[in-house]
Amino acid sequence: MSKGLKLTDILVTIVIAVVFGIIYRLWGDVSNVVKLAGLQLDQLVYGVWFIAATVAFLLIRKPGVALLAEIAAASGELLAGSQFGPEALTYGIAQGLGAELVFLLFRYRSFSAATACMAGVASAAASLIFDGFKGYLVDLQSWNLILYFVFRLISGIFITGLCAYWLVKALEATGVTQLVRPASRADYDALERKKQ
C-alpha cells in the first residue's frame, strides 16, 4: 500500500473536512449554550472542533491526512463565518499537528481506539497551549483551571478519540471505507482463509 497521498486521498480528505467545517461552524452555538451552565462544562464538548483529523486519518490511513483535514475543516469553518475569526484557522493548524504527531509516533500503523484517543489528547493539549497564549487562563482560580484542563482532555479522549473511532467502525461495517482504502495483504489473507 502506497504511503503517499494520491489525488483521491486529498479529495476525500477535503470532503470530510467540508462536512466537519460546517459542523464546526454550527458547534460554536452549541458550545455557547452549554457555556451558560458554567463550571467549564463547555469544555466537555470542545473535542468536536478537532474530530476531523482523527476521522480522516482512521479512514484514509496515510501520513499528512490528519493535519490536512483539520486545516481544511478550520478553513471551512472560517469561510462559513466562524465566530472565532482567523483564530479558528490557527487553532486548526495546531490541533491537526497534535493529532498528526501521535499518528507519526506510531509510524502511521496504529488505527486503534487508544491511538485515536491519544490523538484527541494531543489536539486538546495543542488547543490549550493556544489558550495559554491568549492570557485569560491566569485569571482562573486553581480549581476552575483544573476543571477547564480536565474537561478539555476528557472531550479529546471521548469525542475526538472514541466517537471518531466508532464513527469510522460504523462506516467500515457498511463497506464504504473500501472505496477510499485499497485492499491490504491482510484482506487478501482473510479471503484465502475463508476459501479453505
Protein backbone atom coordinates (compact mmCIF):
# COMPACT_ATOMS: atom_id res chain seq x y z
CA MET A 1 0.00 0.00 0.00
CA SER A 2 1.41 3.38 -1.03
CA LYS A 3 2.12 5.77 1.85
CA GLY A 4 1.99 8.88 -0.35
CA LEU A 5 -1.18 10.89 -0.76
CA LYS A 6 -2.93 10.48 -4.07
CA LEU A 7 -5.39 12.95 -5.56
CA THR A 8 -8.28 10.73 -4.43
CA ASP A 9 -6.99 10.77 -0.84
CA ILE A 10 -6.76 14.55 -0.89
CA LEU A 11 -10.24 14.94 -2.37
CA VAL A 12 -11.81 12.55 0.16
CA THR A 13 -9.99 14.38 2.96
CA ILE A 14 -11.33 17.71 1.70
CA VAL A 15 -14.89 16.34 1.51
CA ILE A 16 -14.57 15.08 5.10
CA ALA A 17 -13.18 18.47 6.09
CA VAL A 18 -16.01 20.39 4.41
CA VAL A 19 -18.59 18.35 6.33
CA PHE A 20 -16.76 18.92 9.60
CA GLY A 21 -16.13 22.58 8.76
CA ILE A 22 -19.89 23.11 8.65
CA ILE A 23 -20.29 21.16 11.89
CA TYR A 24 -17.53 23.27 13.47
CA ARG A 25 -19.31 26.47 12.47
CA LEU A 26 -22.61 25.29 13.96
CA TRP A 27 -20.89 23.89 17.05
CA GLY A 28 -20.00 27.39 18.22
CA ASP A 29 -23.67 27.98 19.03
CA VAL A 30 -23.95 24.63 20.83
CA SER A 31 -20.86 25.45 22.88
CA ASN A 32 -22.26 28.88 23.79
CA VAL A 33 -25.46 27.29 25.11
CA VAL A 34 -23.52 24.72 27.17
CA LYS A 35 -21.28 27.52 28.47
CA LEU A 36 -24.31 29.07 30.15
CA ALA A 37 -24.33 26.16 32.62
CA GLY A 38 -20.97 27.33 33.97
CA LEU A 39 -18.32 25.18 35.68
CA GLN A 40 -16.40 24.94 32.39
CA LEU A 41 -18.93 22.37 31.08
CA ASP A 42 -18.48 23.77 27.57
CA GLN A 43 -15.02 22.16 27.62
CA LEU A 44 -16.71 18.74 27.62
CA VAL A 45 -18.00 19.39 24.09
CA TYR A 46 -14.84 21.10 22.83
CA GLY A 47 -13.45 17.93 21.23
CA VAL A 48 -15.82 18.27 18.29
CA TRP A 49 -13.53 21.02 16.96
CA PHE A 50 -10.72 18.59 16.25
CA ILE A 51 -12.53 15.40 15.27
CA ALA A 52 -11.89 15.86 11.53
CA ALA A 53 -8.22 14.94 12.00
CA THR A 54 -8.90 11.58 13.62
CA VAL A 55 -11.82 10.63 11.38
CA ALA A 56 -9.85 11.44 8.23
CA PHE A 57 -6.77 9.54 9.37
CA LEU A 58 -8.72 6.48 10.52
CA LEU A 59 -10.48 6.41 7.15
CA ILE A 60 -7.58 7.07 4.80
CA ARG A 61 -4.66 5.87 6.96
CA LYS A 62 -1.89 7.89 5.35
CA PRO A 63 0.65 10.45 6.59
CA GLY A 64 -0.43 14.07 6.42
CA VAL A 65 -4.16 13.36 6.30
CA ALA A 66 -4.90 14.39 9.90
CA LEU A 67 -3.17 17.74 9.52
CA LEU A 68 -4.69 18.39 6.09
CA ALA A 69 -8.20 17.52 7.30
CA GLU A 70 -8.01 19.73 10.36
CA ILE A 71 -6.61 22.71 8.44
CA ALA A 72 -9.25 22.30 5.72
CA ALA A 73 -12.06 21.94 8.27
CA ALA A 74 -10.88 25.02 10.17
CA SER A 75 -10.67 26.91 6.86
CA GLY A 76 -14.20 25.80 6.04
CA GLU A 77 -15.38 26.97 9.45
CA LEU A 78 -13.67 30.31 8.87
CA LEU A 79 -15.24 30.74 5.42
CA ALA A 80 -18.65 29.83 6.85
CA GLY A 81 -18.40 32.80 9.19
CA SER A 82 -16.82 31.39 12.33
CA GLN A 83 -17.43 33.44 15.45
CA PHE A 84 -13.74 32.96 16.23
CA GLY A 85 -12.43 34.61 13.06
CA PRO A 86 -8.90 33.80 11.83
CA GLU A 87 -8.16 32.26 15.22
CA ALA A 88 -10.17 29.22 14.06
CA LEU A 89 -7.50 28.55 11.44
CA THR A 90 -4.54 28.94 13.80
CA TYR A 91 -6.18 26.58 16.28
CA GLY A 92 -6.94 24.16 13.44
CA ILE A 93 -3.29 24.04 12.41
CA ALA A 94 -2.14 23.39 15.99
CA GLN A 95 -4.82 20.78 16.66
CA GLY A 96 -4.18 18.96 13.40
CA LEU A 97 -0.46 18.98 14.09
CA GLY A 98 -1.06 17.50 17.54
CA ALA A 99 -3.04 14.59 16.08
CA GLU A 100 -0.58 14.12 13.21
CA LEU A 101 2.34 13.82 15.63
CA VAL A 102 0.60 11.00 17.51
CA PHE A 103 -0.05 9.07 14.30
CA LEU A 104 3.59 9.68 13.32
CA LEU A 105 4.71 8.34 16.71
CA PHE A 106 3.04 5.04 15.77
CA ARG A 107 4.55 5.28 12.27
CA TYR A 108 1.04 5.57 10.79
CA ARG A 109 0.40 1.87 11.52
CA SER A 110 -1.94 2.01 14.50
CA PHE A 111 -5.64 2.57 13.91
CA SER A 112 -6.88 1.59 17.37
CA ALA A 113 -9.25 3.42 19.69
CA ALA A 114 -6.31 4.03 22.06
CA THR A 115 -4.30 5.74 19.31
CA ALA A 116 -7.32 7.85 18.34
CA CYS A 117 -7.76 8.84 22.00
CA MET A 118 -4.09 9.84 22.24
CA ALA A 119 -4.52 11.94 19.09
CA GLY A 120 -7.52 13.58 20.76
CA VAL A 121 -5.45 14.35 23.85
CA ALA A 122 -2.64 15.80 21.70
CA SER A 123 -5.11 18.00 19.83
CA ALA A 124 -6.64 19.13 23.11
CA ALA A 125 -3.18 19.90 24.52
CA ALA A 126 -2.32 21.94 21.41
CA SER A 127 -5.51 23.96 21.81
CA LEU A 128 -4.74 24.51 25.50
CA ILE A 129 -1.32 25.89 24.60
CA PHE A 130 -3.00 28.43 22.32
CA ASP A 131 -5.48 29.27 25.08
CA GLY A 132 -2.47 29.94 27.33
CA PHE A 133 -1.09 32.48 24.86
CA LYS A 134 -4.37 34.39 24.97
CA GLY A 135 -3.70 35.14 28.64
CA TYR A 136 -7.11 34.63 30.18
CA LEU A 137 -6.26 31.30 31.85
CA VAL A 138 -4.21 33.09 34.52
CA ASP A 139 -7.40 34.81 35.67
CA LEU A 140 -9.00 31.48 36.62
CA GLN A 141 -8.78 30.14 40.14
CA SER A 142 -6.89 26.86 40.52
CA TRP A 143 -9.99 24.65 40.87
CA ASN A 144 -11.57 26.30 37.82
CA LEU A 145 -8.38 25.94 35.77
CA ILE A 146 -8.17 22.25 36.69
CA LEU A 147 -11.78 21.74 35.56
CA TYR A 148 -11.00 23.57 32.33
CA PHE A 149 -7.99 21.36 31.54
CA VAL A 150 -9.51 18.06 32.67
CA PHE A 151 -12.79 18.60 30.82
CA ARG A 152 -10.95 19.60 27.61
CA LEU A 153 -8.80 16.45 27.80
CA ILE A 154 -11.84 14.26 28.54
CA SER A 155 -13.52 15.76 25.49
CA GLY A 156 -10.45 15.00 23.40
CA ILE A 157 -10.49 11.39 24.59
CA PHE A 158 -14.22 10.80 24.22
CA ILE A 159 -15.30 12.91 21.24
CA THR A 160 -12.11 13.20 19.21
CA GLY A 161 -10.88 9.71 20.04
CA LEU A 162 -13.68 7.27 20.82
CA CYS A 163 -16.51 8.89 18.84
CA ALA A 164 -14.27 9.24 15.78
CA TYR A 165 -13.20 5.60 16.14
CA TRP A 166 -16.82 4.41 16.48
CA LEU A 167 -17.90 6.53 13.51
CA VAL A 168 -15.20 5.00 11.30
CA LYS A 169 -16.05 1.48 12.56
CA ALA A 170 -19.70 2.13 11.62
CA LEU A 171 -18.59 3.25 8.16
CA GLU A 172 -16.41 0.14 7.83
CA ALA A 173 -19.43 -2.03 8.61
CA THR A 174 -21.25 -0.52 5.64
CA GLY A 175 -18.31 -1.22 3.33
CA VAL A 176 -17.92 2.42 2.31
CA THR A 177 -14.31 2.56 3.54
CA GLN A 178 -13.31 0.10 0.82
CA LEU A 179 -13.86 2.97 -1.63
CA VAL A 180 -11.07 5.00 -0.04
CA ARG A 181 -8.73 2.26 1.15
CA PRO A 182 -7.04 -0.21 -1.14
CA ALA A 183 -7.15 -3.85 -0.14
CA SER A 184 -4.26 -4.79 2.12
CA ARG A 185 -2.30 -8.02 2.35
CA ALA A 186 -4.35 -8.88 5.47
CA ASP A 187 -7.56 -8.53 3.43
CA TYR A 188 -6.27 -10.96 0.81
CA ASP A 189 -5.09 -13.38 3.50
CA ALA A 190 -8.53 -13.28 5.14
CA LEU A 191 -10.16 -14.12 1.80
CA GLU A 192 -7.80 -17.06 1.32
CA ARG A 193 -8.66 -18.40 4.79
CA LYS A 194 -12.39 -18.18 4.01
CA LYS A 195 -11.92 -20.24 0.84
CA GLN A 196 -10.29 -23.09 2.76
